[in-house]
């Protein structure tokens, strides 16, 4: 019975230490990644020089003429 206690207590302690080490290491890496690569919400931007899908023309609105057409 004493052999079981002698072997299991160090195993439990080592497992707890490894668990805390992984937790703190992962938290450190996650915070560092969040600082260097901020999250961007929304649709990704279209790469420069790419062409949109066929059949969908791009509409450009001129804001200067927008008010004069109402008057």
N, C-alpha and C. Protein backbone atom coordinates (compact mmCIF):
# COMPACT_ATOMS: atom_id res chain seq x y z
N UNK A 1 0.81 -1.19 0.00
CA UNK A 1 0.00 0.00 0.00
C UNK A 1 0.86 1.26 0.00
N UNK A 2 1.98 1.20 0.68
CA UNK A 2 2.89 2.34 0.73
C UNK A 2 3.53 2.63 -0.62
N UNK A 3 3.72 1.60 -1.44
CA UNK A 3 4.30 1.78 -2.76
C UNK A 3 3.35 2.58 -3.66
N UNK A 4 2.05 2.32 -3.53
CA UNK A 4 1.06 3.03 -4.33
C UNK A 4 1.07 4.52 -3.98
N UNK A 5 1.16 4.84 -2.70
CA UNK A 5 1.18 6.24 -2.26
C UNK A 5 2.47 6.92 -2.71
N UNK A 6 3.59 6.24 -2.60
CA UNK A 6 4.88 6.81 -2.98
C UNK A 6 4.94 7.09 -4.47
N UNK A 7 4.35 6.24 -5.30
CA UNK A 7 4.37 6.44 -6.73
C UNK A 7 3.29 7.41 -7.22
N UNK A 8 2.13 7.41 -6.58
CA UNK A 8 1.03 8.21 -7.09
C UNK A 8 1.14 9.68 -6.70
N UNK A 9 1.65 9.99 -5.52
CA UNK A 9 1.76 11.40 -5.10
C UNK A 9 2.71 12.19 -6.01
N UNK A 10 3.91 11.70 -6.31
CA UNK A 10 4.76 12.45 -7.24
C UNK A 10 4.15 12.56 -8.64
N UNK A 11 3.45 11.53 -9.08
CA UNK A 11 2.81 11.59 -10.39
C UNK A 11 1.72 12.65 -10.43
N UNK A 12 0.94 12.73 -9.36
CA UNK A 12 -0.11 13.75 -9.28
C UNK A 12 0.51 15.14 -9.24
N UNK A 13 1.55 15.33 -8.44
CA UNK A 13 2.20 16.64 -8.34
C UNK A 13 2.85 17.06 -9.67
N UNK A 14 3.51 16.12 -10.34
CA UNK A 14 4.12 16.45 -11.64
C UNK A 14 3.04 16.80 -12.65
N UNK A 15 1.92 16.10 -12.64
CA UNK A 15 0.83 16.40 -13.56
C UNK A 15 0.26 17.78 -13.29
N UNK A 16 0.12 18.16 -12.03
CA UNK A 16 -0.39 19.50 -11.70
C UNK A 16 0.60 20.57 -12.13
N UNK A 17 1.88 20.35 -11.92
CA UNK A 17 2.90 21.33 -12.32
C UNK A 17 2.92 21.48 -13.84
N UNK A 18 2.86 20.37 -14.57
CA UNK A 18 2.84 20.44 -16.04
C UNK A 18 1.57 21.14 -16.52
N UNK A 19 0.45 20.90 -15.86
CA UNK A 19 -0.80 21.56 -16.22
C UNK A 19 -0.71 23.07 -16.04
N UNK A 20 -0.17 23.52 -14.90
CA UNK A 20 -0.01 24.96 -14.69
C UNK A 20 0.98 25.56 -15.70
N UNK A 21 2.04 24.82 -15.99
CA UNK A 21 3.02 25.32 -16.96
C UNK A 21 2.41 25.49 -18.34
N UNK A 22 1.62 24.52 -18.78
CA UNK A 22 0.95 24.64 -20.09
C UNK A 22 -0.07 25.77 -20.09
N UNK A 23 -0.77 25.95 -18.98
CA UNK A 23 -1.77 27.02 -18.89
C UNK A 23 -1.10 28.39 -19.01
N UNK A 24 -0.05 28.63 -18.24
CA UNK A 24 0.60 29.94 -18.27
C UNK A 24 1.35 30.17 -19.57
N UNK A 25 1.96 29.14 -20.14
CA UNK A 25 2.65 29.28 -21.42
C UNK A 25 1.64 29.59 -22.53
N UNK A 26 0.50 28.92 -22.53
CA UNK A 26 -0.52 29.19 -23.53
C UNK A 26 -1.13 30.57 -23.38
N UNK A 27 -1.32 31.01 -22.15
CA UNK A 27 -1.85 32.35 -21.92
C UNK A 27 -0.86 33.41 -22.40
N UNK A 28 0.42 33.20 -22.16
CA UNK A 28 1.45 34.13 -22.62
C UNK A 28 1.49 34.20 -24.14
N UNK A 29 1.48 33.04 -24.79
CA UNK A 29 1.52 33.02 -26.26
C UNK A 29 0.26 33.63 -26.85
N UNK A 30 -0.90 33.37 -26.25
CA UNK A 30 -2.14 33.93 -26.75
C UNK A 30 -2.18 35.43 -26.63
N UNK A 31 -1.71 35.97 -25.54
CA UNK A 31 -1.67 37.43 -25.38
C UNK A 31 -0.68 38.06 -26.34
N UNK A 32 0.45 37.41 -26.55
CA UNK A 32 1.43 37.95 -27.49
C UNK A 32 0.88 37.93 -28.91
N UNK A 33 0.16 36.87 -29.27
CA UNK A 33 -0.43 36.77 -30.60
C UNK A 33 -1.54 37.80 -30.80
N UNK A 34 -2.30 38.07 -29.74
CA UNK A 34 -3.38 39.05 -29.83
C UNK A 34 -2.83 40.46 -30.04
N UNK A 35 -1.65 40.73 -29.51
CA UNK A 35 -1.05 42.05 -29.69
C UNK A 35 -0.48 42.19 -31.10
N UNK A 36 0.17 41.17 -31.60
CA UNK A 36 0.81 41.27 -32.91
C UNK A 36 -0.16 41.08 -34.06
N UNK A 37 -1.23 40.31 -33.89
CA UNK A 37 -2.20 40.04 -34.95
C UNK A 37 -3.60 40.35 -34.45
N UNK A 38 -4.02 41.62 -34.52
CA UNK A 38 -5.36 41.93 -34.03
C UNK A 38 -6.43 41.30 -34.91
N UNK A 39 -7.58 41.00 -34.32
CA UNK A 39 -8.68 40.40 -35.06
C UNK A 39 -9.37 41.47 -35.89
N UNK A 40 -9.73 41.10 -37.09
CA UNK A 40 -10.43 42.00 -37.99
C UNK A 40 -11.78 41.39 -38.28
N UNK A 41 -12.82 42.15 -38.00
CA UNK A 41 -14.17 41.65 -38.21
C UNK A 41 -14.71 42.18 -39.54
N UNK A 42 -15.51 41.40 -40.21
CA UNK A 42 -16.12 41.81 -41.47
C UNK A 42 -15.56 41.00 -42.62
N UNK A 43 -15.98 41.40 -43.82
CA UNK A 43 -15.54 40.69 -45.01
C UNK A 43 -14.11 41.10 -45.37
N UNK A 44 -13.33 40.19 -45.91
CA UNK A 44 -11.97 40.56 -46.30
C UNK A 44 -11.98 41.50 -47.50
N UNK A 45 -10.98 42.33 -47.57
CA UNK A 45 -10.87 43.29 -48.65
C UNK A 45 -10.49 42.58 -49.95
N UNK A 46 -10.94 43.13 -51.06
CA UNK A 46 -10.60 42.57 -52.37
C UNK A 46 -9.15 42.93 -52.68
N UNK A 47 -8.37 41.99 -53.15
CA UNK A 47 -6.97 42.30 -53.47
C UNK A 47 -6.88 43.33 -54.59
N UNK A 48 -5.87 44.19 -54.55
CA UNK A 48 -5.73 45.20 -55.60
C UNK A 48 -5.48 44.54 -56.96
N UNK A 49 -6.13 45.08 -57.98
CA UNK A 49 -5.95 44.57 -59.33
C UNK A 49 -6.87 43.42 -59.68
N UNK A 50 -7.69 42.97 -58.75
CA UNK A 50 -8.59 41.87 -59.06
C UNK A 50 -9.87 42.41 -59.69
N UNK A 51 -10.54 41.56 -60.42
CA UNK A 51 -11.76 41.93 -61.11
C UNK A 51 -12.92 41.27 -60.38
N UNK A 52 -14.03 42.01 -60.22
CA UNK A 52 -15.20 41.48 -59.55
C UNK A 52 -15.86 40.41 -60.40
N UNK A 53 -16.91 39.77 -59.88
CA UNK A 53 -17.60 38.74 -60.64
C UNK A 53 -18.30 39.32 -61.87
N UNK A 54 -18.40 38.53 -62.92
CA UNK A 54 -19.01 39.01 -64.16
C UNK A 54 -20.51 39.23 -63.94
N UNK A 55 -21.03 40.27 -64.60
CA UNK A 55 -22.45 40.55 -64.52
C UNK A 55 -22.83 41.45 -63.36
N UNK A 56 -21.90 41.84 -62.54
CA UNK A 56 -22.21 42.76 -61.45
C UNK A 56 -21.37 44.02 -61.61
N UNK A 57 -21.93 45.06 -62.27
CA UNK A 57 -21.17 46.28 -62.48
C UNK A 57 -20.94 47.02 -61.16
N UNK A 58 -19.85 47.73 -61.11
CA UNK A 58 -19.51 48.50 -59.92
C UNK A 58 -20.14 49.88 -60.07
N UNK A 59 -20.93 50.29 -59.09
CA UNK A 59 -21.60 51.58 -59.11
C UNK A 59 -20.78 52.58 -58.32
N UNK A 60 -20.44 53.70 -58.95
CA UNK A 60 -19.71 54.76 -58.29
C UNK A 60 -20.68 55.91 -58.08
N UNK A 61 -20.83 56.36 -56.85
CA UNK A 61 -21.73 57.45 -56.53
C UNK A 61 -20.92 58.72 -56.34
N UNK A 62 -21.30 59.77 -57.07
CA UNK A 62 -20.63 61.05 -56.94
C UNK A 62 -21.41 61.88 -55.92
N UNK A 63 -20.79 62.19 -54.80
CA UNK A 63 -21.50 62.86 -53.72
C UNK A 63 -21.79 64.32 -54.05
N UNK A 64 -21.05 64.96 -54.97
CA UNK A 64 -21.30 66.36 -55.31
C UNK A 64 -22.62 66.49 -56.06
N UNK A 65 -22.94 65.58 -56.94
CA UNK A 65 -24.16 65.65 -57.75
C UNK A 65 -25.37 65.10 -57.00
N UNK A 66 -25.16 64.49 -55.89
CA UNK A 66 -26.26 63.84 -55.20
C UNK A 66 -27.27 64.86 -54.68
N UNK A 67 -26.85 65.98 -54.12
CA UNK A 67 -27.75 66.98 -53.59
C UNK A 67 -28.39 67.86 -54.65
N UNK A 68 -27.67 68.11 -55.76
CA UNK A 68 -28.19 69.02 -56.78
C UNK A 68 -29.30 68.37 -57.59
N UNK A 69 -29.37 67.06 -57.65
CA UNK A 69 -30.43 66.41 -58.43
C UNK A 69 -31.77 66.48 -57.71
N UNK A 70 -31.76 66.67 -56.40
CA UNK A 70 -33.00 66.75 -55.63
C UNK A 70 -33.66 68.13 -55.82
N UNK A 71 -32.86 69.18 -55.93
CA UNK A 71 -33.39 70.55 -56.01
C UNK A 71 -34.02 70.84 -57.33
